[in-house]
Protein backbone atom coordinates (compact mmCIF):
# COMPACT_ATOMS: atom_id res chain seq x y z
CA MET A 1 33.97 23.09 12.38
CA THR A 2 34.47 21.75 8.84
CA ALA A 3 32.97 22.49 5.73
CA PHE A 4 30.77 19.31 6.20
CA GLY A 5 29.40 20.27 9.30
CA PRO A 6 26.54 22.54 10.47
CA GLN A 7 27.18 26.16 10.13
CA SER A 8 25.75 26.70 13.36
CA SER A 9 25.50 24.38 16.39
CA ASN A 10 22.88 24.21 19.22
CA HIS A 11 24.67 22.30 21.78
CA SER A 12 21.53 21.64 23.72
CA ALA A 13 20.06 19.45 20.98
CA PRO A 14 19.62 15.70 21.92
CA VAL A 15 22.05 14.54 19.28
CA TYR A 16 24.89 16.22 20.76
CA ASN A 17 24.48 13.99 23.77
CA TRP A 18 24.99 10.77 21.73
CA PRO A 19 28.37 9.14 21.50
CA VAL A 20 30.57 9.85 18.59
CA THR A 21 30.10 6.59 17.37
CA PRO A 22 26.52 6.09 18.04
CA LYS A 23 25.13 2.67 19.35
CA HIS A 24 22.17 2.03 21.28
CA GLN A 25 21.89 -1.00 23.85
CA ILE A 26 18.38 -2.57 24.11
CA ASP A 27 17.54 -4.17 27.31
CA GLY A 28 16.67 -7.53 27.99
CA PHE A 29 12.73 -6.71 27.61
CA GLY A 30 13.09 -5.62 24.32
CA ILE A 31 11.77 -2.70 22.21
CA GLU A 32 9.35 -1.03 24.64
CA PRO A 33 8.90 2.41 25.78
CA PRO A 34 9.94 3.01 29.38
CA LEU A 35 8.10 0.85 31.86
CA SER A 36 6.30 2.47 34.86
CA ASP A 37 8.24 1.75 38.09
CA VAL A 38 5.63 -0.65 39.39
CA ALA A 39 5.77 -2.74 35.72
CA ARG A 40 9.41 -2.57 35.83
CA GLU A 41 9.93 -3.91 39.07
CA PHE A 42 7.28 -6.56 38.35
CA GLN A 43 9.42 -7.50 35.25
CA SER A 44 12.73 -7.35 37.15
CA THR A 45 11.22 -9.61 39.90
CA LEU A 46 9.87 -12.22 37.08
CA ARG A 47 13.08 -12.23 35.03
CA LYS A 48 15.11 -13.23 38.25
CA PHE A 49 12.48 -15.99 39.11
CA ALA A 50 12.67 -17.20 35.57
CA VAL A 51 16.26 -17.41 35.50
CA ASN A 52 17.14 -18.57 39.09
CA VAL A 53 13.94 -20.75 39.35
CA ALA A 54 11.88 -21.53 36.68
CA ARG A 55 14.90 -22.60 34.08
CA PRO A 56 16.72 -24.92 36.12
CA MET A 57 13.57 -26.64 37.63
CA GLY A 58 12.21 -27.03 34.14
CA GLN A 59 15.76 -28.43 32.92
CA LYS A 60 15.50 -31.07 36.13
CA LEU A 61 12.04 -31.94 35.47
CA ASP A 62 12.57 -32.67 31.78
CA ARG A 63 15.05 -35.39 32.79
CA MET A 64 12.53 -37.16 34.89
CA SER A 65 9.84 -39.60 33.80
CA ALA A 66 6.03 -38.06 33.73
CA ALA A 67 5.39 -40.22 37.00
CA GLU A 68 8.13 -38.68 38.89
CA VAL A 69 7.20 -35.02 37.57
CA ILE A 70 4.00 -35.46 39.59
CA ALA A 71 5.35 -37.18 42.73
CA HIS A 72 4.76 -35.90 45.97
CA ASP A 73 8.32 -35.13 46.51
CA SER A 74 8.99 -33.71 42.85
CA PRO A 75 10.59 -30.24 42.36
CA PHE A 76 7.50 -29.48 40.52
CA TRP A 77 5.93 -28.66 43.79
CA GLY A 78 8.48 -26.68 44.93
CA PHE A 79 8.60 -24.45 41.95
CA ARG A 80 4.73 -24.13 42.66
CA LYS A 81 5.34 -23.04 45.95
CA GLU A 82 7.89 -20.35 44.84
CA TYR A 83 5.63 -19.05 42.13
CA LEU A 84 2.71 -18.51 44.79
CA ASP A 85 5.13 -16.83 47.09
CA LEU A 86 5.50 -14.47 44.25
CA GLY A 87 2.15 -13.29 45.26
CA VAL A 88 0.57 -12.55 41.76
CA ASP A 89 -3.06 -11.66 42.25
CA LEU A 90 -5.63 -12.07 39.66
CA ARG A 91 -8.14 -9.96 41.10
CA ILE A 92 -5.80 -6.94 41.35
CA LEU A 93 -4.81 -7.72 37.58
CA ALA A 94 -8.32 -7.91 36.66
CA GLU A 95 -9.19 -4.58 38.37
CA MET A 96 -6.29 -2.50 36.58
CA PRO A 97 -7.05 -0.34 33.63
CA PRO A 98 -6.88 -2.10 30.10
CA LEU A 99 -3.47 -0.81 29.31
CA GLU A 100 -1.92 -1.66 32.47
CA ARG A 101 -3.60 -5.01 32.92
CA SER A 102 -2.67 -6.09 29.40
CA GLN A 103 1.05 -4.91 30.01
CA MET A 104 1.13 -6.85 33.28
CA PHE A 105 -0.15 -10.29 31.74
CA CYS A 106 2.17 -9.80 28.86
CA ILE A 107 5.01 -9.18 31.19
CA LEU A 108 3.91 -12.15 33.50
CA PHE A 109 3.74 -14.67 30.73
CA GLU A 110 6.77 -13.41 28.48
CA GLU A 111 9.09 -13.72 31.40
CA LEU A 112 7.62 -17.25 32.70
CA GLY A 113 8.21 -18.42 29.20
CA PHE A 114 11.58 -16.73 29.35
CA GLY A 115 12.47 -19.16 31.88
CA ASP A 116 10.54 -22.29 31.02
CA GLY A 117 7.69 -22.95 28.46
CA GLY A 118 6.10 -25.89 29.72
CA LEU A 119 6.13 -24.62 33.48
CA ALA A 120 4.73 -21.23 32.14
CA ILE A 121 2.12 -23.25 30.40
CA SER A 122 1.19 -25.06 33.56
CA ILE A 123 0.94 -21.48 35.71
CA GLY A 124 -1.49 -20.32 32.79
CA ALA A 125 -3.66 -23.17 32.70
CA GLY A 126 -3.55 -23.20 36.60
CA ILE A 127 -5.44 -19.97 36.73
CA LEU A 128 -8.00 -20.22 34.05
CA PRO A 129 -10.77 -21.54 36.35
CA GLN A 130 -10.31 -18.66 38.99
CA TYR A 131 -9.72 -16.29 36.09
CA LEU A 132 -12.86 -17.05 34.00
CA SER A 133 -15.04 -17.09 37.23
CA LEU A 134 -13.52 -13.38 37.68
CA LEU A 135 -14.33 -12.56 34.28
CA PHE A 136 -17.98 -13.81 34.46
CA GLY A 137 -18.35 -12.17 37.72
CA ASN A 138 -19.07 -15.41 39.64
CA GLU A 139 -18.89 -14.69 43.26
CA PHE A 140 -19.58 -18.10 44.41
CA LEU A 141 -17.01 -19.65 42.37
CA ILE A 142 -14.57 -16.95 43.19
CA GLU A 143 -14.76 -17.62 46.88
CA ARG A 144 -15.23 -21.42 46.52
CA PHE A 145 -11.78 -21.77 44.81
CA PRO A 146 -9.19 -19.60 45.99
CA GLN A 147 -6.14 -18.58 43.90
CA ASP A 148 -3.47 -21.10 45.45
CA LEU A 149 -5.53 -24.08 43.92
CA LEU A 150 -4.07 -25.46 40.87
CA GLY A 151 -6.44 -25.32 38.07
CA CYS A 152 -6.92 -27.20 34.59
CA TRP A 153 -8.78 -26.31 31.44
CA ALA A 154 -10.60 -29.50 30.14
CA ILE A 155 -12.01 -29.26 26.84
CA THR A 156 -9.87 -31.46 24.32
CA GLU A 157 -11.17 -35.20 24.07
CA PRO A 158 -9.98 -38.22 22.62
CA ASP A 159 -12.12 -37.86 19.34
CA HIS A 160 -12.21 -34.19 19.20
CA GLY A 161 -8.91 -32.03 19.47
CA SER A 162 -9.08 -28.72 18.03
CA ASP A 163 -12.51 -28.85 16.89
CA SER A 164 -13.64 -28.73 20.48
CA LEU A 165 -13.03 -25.10 19.90
CA ASP A 166 -15.55 -24.94 17.00
CA PRO A 167 -19.00 -25.73 18.65
CA ARG A 168 -20.81 -24.52 15.75
CA GLY A 169 -18.96 -26.84 13.27
CA THR A 170 -17.81 -24.06 10.95
CA LEU A 171 -14.52 -25.75 9.91
CA ARG A 172 -16.31 -29.26 9.45
CA HIS A 173 -16.00 -30.97 6.10
CA PRO A 174 -19.17 -30.52 4.27
CA GLY A 175 -21.58 -33.30 4.79
CA THR A 176 -20.00 -34.55 7.91
CA ALA A 177 -21.13 -34.76 11.37
CA TYR A 178 -19.14 -33.66 14.48
CA GLY A 179 -19.45 -37.10 16.03
CA ARG A 180 -20.41 -38.54 19.37
CA PRO A 181 -19.12 -36.37 22.28
CA ASN A 182 -16.44 -38.22 24.85
CA LEU A 183 -18.04 -36.31 27.85
CA VAL A 184 -21.53 -35.38 28.24
CA ALA A 185 -23.42 -33.65 31.23
CA LYS A 186 -27.02 -34.59 31.52
CA LEU A 187 -29.60 -32.68 33.77
CA HIS A 188 -31.26 -35.30 36.03
CA LYS A 189 -33.20 -34.21 39.20
CA GLY A 190 -31.89 -30.82 39.66
CA LYS A 191 -28.04 -31.86 39.33
CA LEU A 192 -25.84 -32.26 36.46
CA ILE A 193 -24.55 -35.77 35.86
CA LEU A 194 -20.97 -36.43 34.02
CA ASN A 195 -19.98 -39.49 32.16
CA GLY A 196 -17.11 -39.91 29.91
CA GLN A 197 -13.45 -38.41 29.73
CA LYS A 198 -11.37 -35.68 28.52
CA SER A 199 -8.15 -36.68 26.58
CA ALA A 200 -4.49 -37.08 27.78
CA TRP A 201 -3.66 -33.53 26.67
CA VAL A 202 -5.28 -31.72 29.74
CA SER A 203 -2.74 -29.42 31.08
CA ASN A 204 -2.15 -30.06 34.62
CA GLY A 205 -4.88 -32.73 34.46
CA SER A 206 -3.02 -35.34 36.09
CA VAL A 207 -2.48 -33.13 39.31
CA ALA A 208 -4.88 -30.32 39.39
CA GLU A 209 -7.20 -29.56 42.13
CA VAL A 210 -10.01 -27.50 40.12
CA CYS A 211 -10.94 -27.67 36.63
CA ILE A 212 -12.82 -25.30 34.31
CA LEU A 213 -14.60 -28.20 32.28
CA TYR A 214 -16.24 -27.32 28.76
CA CYS A 215 -18.41 -30.38 27.61
CA ALA A 216 -21.61 -31.16 25.61
CA SER A 217 -24.86 -31.13 27.22
CA ASP A 218 -27.98 -33.30 26.98
CA THR A 219 -31.15 -31.28 28.05
CA GLY A 220 -33.39 -34.40 26.70
CA SER A 221 -32.83 -34.38 23.07
CA GLY A 222 -29.34 -36.10 22.90
CA PRO A 223 -25.93 -34.44 23.56
CA ASP A 224 -25.24 -31.45 21.76
CA TYR A 225 -21.96 -29.36 21.32
CA GLN A 226 -23.08 -26.39 20.01
CA HIS A 227 -25.23 -25.84 23.25
CA GLY A 228 -22.73 -27.31 25.85
CA CYS A 229 -22.03 -26.09 29.30
CA VAL A 230 -19.17 -24.81 31.32
CA LEU A 231 -18.46 -25.96 34.82
CA VAL A 232 -15.90 -24.88 37.46
CA ILE A 233 -15.37 -28.01 39.56
CA PRO A 234 -13.63 -29.58 42.52
CA LEU A 235 -11.44 -32.65 41.10
CA ASP A 236 -12.15 -34.61 44.36
CA LEU A 237 -15.89 -35.37 43.50
CA PRO A 238 -16.72 -39.14 43.73
CA GLY A 239 -16.57 -40.65 40.27
CA ILE A 240 -13.55 -38.50 38.98
CA THR A 241 -10.51 -40.67 38.32
CA ARG A 242 -7.23 -39.77 36.39
CA GLY A 243 -5.26 -41.40 33.56
CA LYS A 244 -1.66 -42.03 33.63
CA PRO A 245 0.61 -38.73 33.37
CA LEU A 246 1.50 -38.47 29.55
CA GLU A 247 5.01 -38.99 28.29
CA LYS A 248 5.96 -36.70 25.39
CA LEU A 249 8.47 -35.11 23.57
CA GLY A 250 8.66 -31.53 25.16
CA GLN A 251 7.21 -29.65 27.74
CA ARG A 252 7.81 -32.40 30.05
CA ALA A 253 7.94 -30.25 33.15
CA LEU A 254 4.01 -29.84 32.19
CA PRO A 255 2.03 -32.43 33.70
CA GLN A 256 -0.89 -33.65 31.39
CA GLY A 257 -3.16 -36.42 31.74
CA GLU A 258 -6.69 -38.05 31.06
CA ILE A 259 -9.72 -37.13 33.43
CA PHE A 260 -12.38 -39.77 33.58
CA PHE A 261 -16.10 -39.20 34.79
CA GLN A 262 -18.21 -41.81 36.23
CA ASP A 263 -21.80 -40.90 37.16
CA VAL A 264 -20.29 -37.51 38.62
CA GLU A 265 -23.05 -35.42 40.29
CA VAL A 266 -22.44 -31.48 40.09
CA ASP A 267 -24.83 -28.98 41.90
CA LEU A 268 -26.08 -26.30 39.56
CA ASP A 269 -24.13 -23.76 41.65
CA TYR A 270 -20.73 -24.86 39.78
CA VAL A 271 -22.20 -24.00 36.38
CA LEU A 272 -20.24 -20.96 34.84
CA ALA A 273 -21.94 -20.88 31.56
CA GLY A 274 -25.06 -22.75 30.52
CA PRO A 275 -26.10 -23.97 27.08
CA GLU A 276 -27.14 -20.27 25.94
CA GLU A 277 -23.86 -19.05 26.91
CA PHE A 278 -21.60 -21.83 26.06
CA GLU A 279 -20.36 -20.39 22.55
CA ARG A 280 -19.60 -17.34 24.46
CA ALA A 281 -17.63 -18.88 26.89
CA VAL A 282 -15.50 -20.99 24.09
CA TYR A 283 -14.95 -17.46 22.54
CA LEU A 284 -13.86 -16.04 25.58
CA ILE A 285 -11.16 -18.68 26.91
CA HIS A 286 -9.92 -19.32 23.49
CA ALA A 287 -9.52 -15.42 23.21
CA GLU A 288 -7.70 -15.23 26.68
CA ALA A 289 -5.76 -18.42 26.07
CA ASN A 290 -4.36 -17.82 22.69
CA VAL A 291 -2.62 -14.12 23.78
CA LEU A 292 -1.46 -16.15 27.11
CA MET A 293 0.14 -18.64 24.39
CA GLY A 294 1.59 -15.75 22.33
CA ALA A 295 3.29 -13.94 25.32
CA THR A 296 4.75 -17.38 26.71
CA TRP A 297 6.37 -18.20 23.33
CA THR A 298 7.66 -14.86 22.84
CA GLY A 299 9.49 -15.29 26.03
CA ALA A 300 10.93 -18.56 24.79
CA ALA A 301 12.00 -17.07 21.60
CA ARG A 302 13.74 -14.24 23.40
CA ALA A 303 15.60 -16.69 25.53
CA ALA A 304 16.72 -18.80 22.72
CA TYR A 305 18.03 -15.56 20.92
CA GLN A 306 19.71 -14.14 24.00
CA MET A 307 21.67 -17.69 24.71
CA ALA A 308 22.53 -17.74 20.97
CA HIS A 309 23.83 -14.05 21.18
CA ALA A 310 25.75 -14.92 24.33
CA TYR A 311 27.30 -18.15 22.86
CA ALA A 312 28.25 -16.39 19.51
CA HIS A 313 30.47 -13.85 21.74
CA GLU A 314 31.97 -16.90 23.65
CA ARG A 315 32.72 -19.36 20.91
CA ARG A 316 35.67 -18.83 18.56
CA GLN A 317 36.10 -20.21 15.28
CA GLY A 318 38.69 -19.21 12.75
CA GLY A 319 40.60 -17.07 15.34
CA VAL A 320 37.67 -14.87 16.17
CA PRO A 321 34.31 -14.85 18.09
CA ILE A 322 31.78 -16.45 15.93
CA TYR A 323 29.56 -13.35 15.60
CA ARG A 324 32.22 -11.69 13.76
CA HIS A 325 31.55 -14.01 10.61
CA GLN A 326 28.80 -12.56 8.60
CA MET A 327 26.57 -15.42 8.52
CA VAL A 328 26.11 -15.49 12.46
CA ALA A 329 25.51 -11.67 12.63
CA TYR A 330 22.93 -11.95 9.78
CA ARG A 331 21.31 -14.83 11.54
CA LEU A 332 21.58 -13.15 15.06
CA PHE A 333 19.69 -10.06 13.58
CA ASP A 334 17.09 -12.06 11.75
CA MET A 335 16.40 -14.05 15.03
CA PHE A 336 16.11 -10.58 16.99
CA ARG A 337 13.98 -9.03 14.21
CA ARG A 338 11.46 -12.03 14.70
CA VAL A 339 11.44 -12.01 18.38
CA GLU A 340 10.42 -8.27 18.46
CA THR A 341 7.89 -8.74 15.70
CA SER A 342 6.31 -11.49 18.03
CA ALA A 343 6.31 -9.52 21.17
CA ALA A 344 5.11 -6.20 19.41
CA LEU A 345 2.20 -8.22 18.00
CA THR A 346 1.32 -10.13 20.93
CA ARG A 347 1.48 -6.90 23.23
CA ARG A 348 -0.65 -4.89 20.73
CA VAL A 349 -3.14 -7.59 20.75
CA ALA A 350 -3.49 -7.88 24.53
CA HIS A 351 -4.12 -4.13 24.73
CA TYR A 352 -6.65 -4.15 22.09
CA ASN A 353 -8.50 -7.11 23.46
CA GLN A 354 -8.53 -5.75 27.01
CA ALA A 355 -9.53 -2.33 25.61
CA ALA A 356 -12.21 -3.72 23.39
CA ASP A 357 -15.73 -4.39 24.58
CA MET A 358 -15.47 -7.66 22.87
CA PRO A 359 -12.12 -9.26 22.22
CA ALA A 360 -11.26 -10.03 18.56
CA LEU A 361 -10.63 -13.80 18.64
CA GLN A 362 -8.84 -13.60 14.98
CA ALA A 363 -6.45 -11.24 16.49
CA ALA A 364 -5.67 -13.71 19.53
CA MET A 365 -5.32 -16.30 16.84
CA ALA A 366 -2.76 -14.38 15.09
CA ALA A 367 -0.73 -13.82 18.35
CA LYS A 368 -0.78 -17.73 19.17
CA VAL A 369 0.12 -18.62 15.72
CA THR A 370 3.03 -16.03 15.35
CA GLY A 371 4.56 -16.28 18.58
CA THR A 372 4.70 -20.06 18.46
CA GLU A 373 5.92 -20.40 14.99
CA ILE A 374 8.37 -17.98 15.65
CA ALA A 375 9.39 -19.40 18.88
CA PHE A 376 10.20 -22.81 16.84
CA SER A 377 12.04 -21.10 14.08
CA VAL A 378 14.08 -18.75 16.37
CA ALA A 379 15.12 -21.99 18.59
CA SER A 380 15.89 -23.81 15.49
CA ASP A 381 18.35 -21.15 14.30
CA ALA A 382 19.71 -20.60 17.82
CA MET A 383 20.71 -24.56 17.55
CA GLN A 384 22.44 -23.69 14.20
CA ILE A 385 24.50 -21.22 16.00
CA PHE A 386 25.56 -23.46 18.93
CA GLY A 387 26.22 -26.16 16.27
CA GLY A 388 27.07 -29.71 17.83
CA ASN A 389 26.86 -28.20 21.22
CA GLY A 390 23.17 -27.33 20.55
CA ILE A 391 22.05 -30.80 20.43
CA THR A 392 23.48 -31.94 23.90
CA HIS A 393 21.75 -31.65 27.09
CA GLU A 394 24.54 -29.51 28.40
CA TYR A 395 22.93 -26.42 26.69
CA PRO A 396 19.35 -25.65 26.83
CA ILE A 397 18.71 -24.85 23.20
CA GLU A 398 17.57 -28.54 22.25
CA LYS A 399 14.91 -28.32 25.03
CA ILE A 400 13.59 -25.01 23.79
CA LEU A 401 13.10 -26.52 20.45
CA ARG A 402 11.44 -29.47 21.64
CA ASP A 403 9.04 -27.32 23.98
CA SER A 404 8.31 -24.91 21.22
CA ARG A 405 7.39 -27.40 18.88
CA LEU A 406 4.54 -28.58 20.83
CA SER A 407 3.43 -24.90 21.37
CA MET A 408 2.18 -25.29 17.32
CA ILE A 409 -0.04 -27.99 18.40
CA GLU A 410 -1.60 -27.15 21.83
CA ASP A 411 -4.42 -24.58 22.30
CA GLY A 412 -5.48 -25.36 18.99
CA VAL A 413 -3.21 -26.47 16.19
CA ASN A 414 -1.80 -23.60 14.08
CA ASP A 415 -3.57 -24.86 10.87
CA PHE A 416 -7.01 -24.82 12.35
CA LEU A 417 -6.46 -21.50 13.97
CA SER A 418 -5.34 -20.08 10.77
CA ILE A 419 -8.52 -21.29 8.73
CA LYS A 420 -10.97 -20.16 11.51
CA GLY A 421 -9.06 -16.89 11.87
CA GLY A 422 -9.69 -16.38 8.08
CA TYR A 423 -13.53 -17.09 8.57
CA TYR A 424 -13.58 -14.60 11.42
CA LEU A 425 -11.75 -11.95 8.75
CA MET A 426 -15.09 -12.28 6.34
CA GLN A 427 -17.84 -10.01 6.39
CA ASP A 428 -20.74 -12.33 5.97
CA ASP A 429 -21.98 -14.11 8.76
CA LEU A 430 -20.37 -17.55 9.45
CA PRO A 431 -22.34 -20.55 8.62
């Protein structure tokens, strides 16, 4: 014992179990208290699926045309089958206590995003008709549409993008009108008649079997977005057709496309929320989808960070692995810090909203905006570490960069969400 050491020692104290040169290794799921055995097994299974199935499948689909992605012999359908074989059951998840449920949803979408962001969004959009039916407690729709049917969420329209999420027109420029809806449901002889279209940005729109449809309604005084309606309908009804699948910069593994409706008759049994419930239904799906987005792109950011971390140990420059260069070490730490910030916020918001009597939409928006912007910035920094190799198809970094750039636009552009989130922070009533 030296003069600089403790005068008395208690060798049972935890600190004496540390290595002489302390260094803690954080596992691949990040800074999180120990998971339960069930949650850890779930996370481990999904990580293997992400790395061994989703990532290589996403890379393969990324090099195909949009028409090839949705063809009957496309690898997309093999991926879909392998995901269904995992046996993720929405009803079981929905019945879990709030903390466990929020944790499982975050694990699910962080790990799917870790594998491939576009395919993760396909799965997320694919469960929304069934999941919202569960949340509304609509037994007819729950039984009518089993979980193995691929779903889509149709809300965006050619003339109405993010403003479709603003039925009260809170964010409209003063003195302007919302404009005519592109799709209207009109009540006629005890049925709803649908005429119009949804835009090319409907995720899974070109391949889905069931749709959760948000649209304006006309009860006799003209189309009205503020009092619209929400339907869960099969997409094989007479009068429904699809447009060409969308070619786009990123998330090419995610099929997107227009859906057209011409005199489509829908029984009232398929109404999930009528005009009096419409604003509440927009709020609910928006809150759920924004947290899903935060988790998905946290996973993508973590993938970019881990790839850059591994590459920095492999790539040598100046006679040493590049992680030994101060700028690379600084950049990796900054990436790590941002990924963990995104994960912490998203997981906290998920738990808060699952436990609350009513979710906080402004919190969900914060998770989405933060998660997507961090994913893009981390992917960009990862590309900088990869250098010239990062811009080639040999490495997946350029794909993550393209995919994450789109995430700041989908499910409400981040600018719109930030303004609307600011209004939700105000104490006075919204206009």
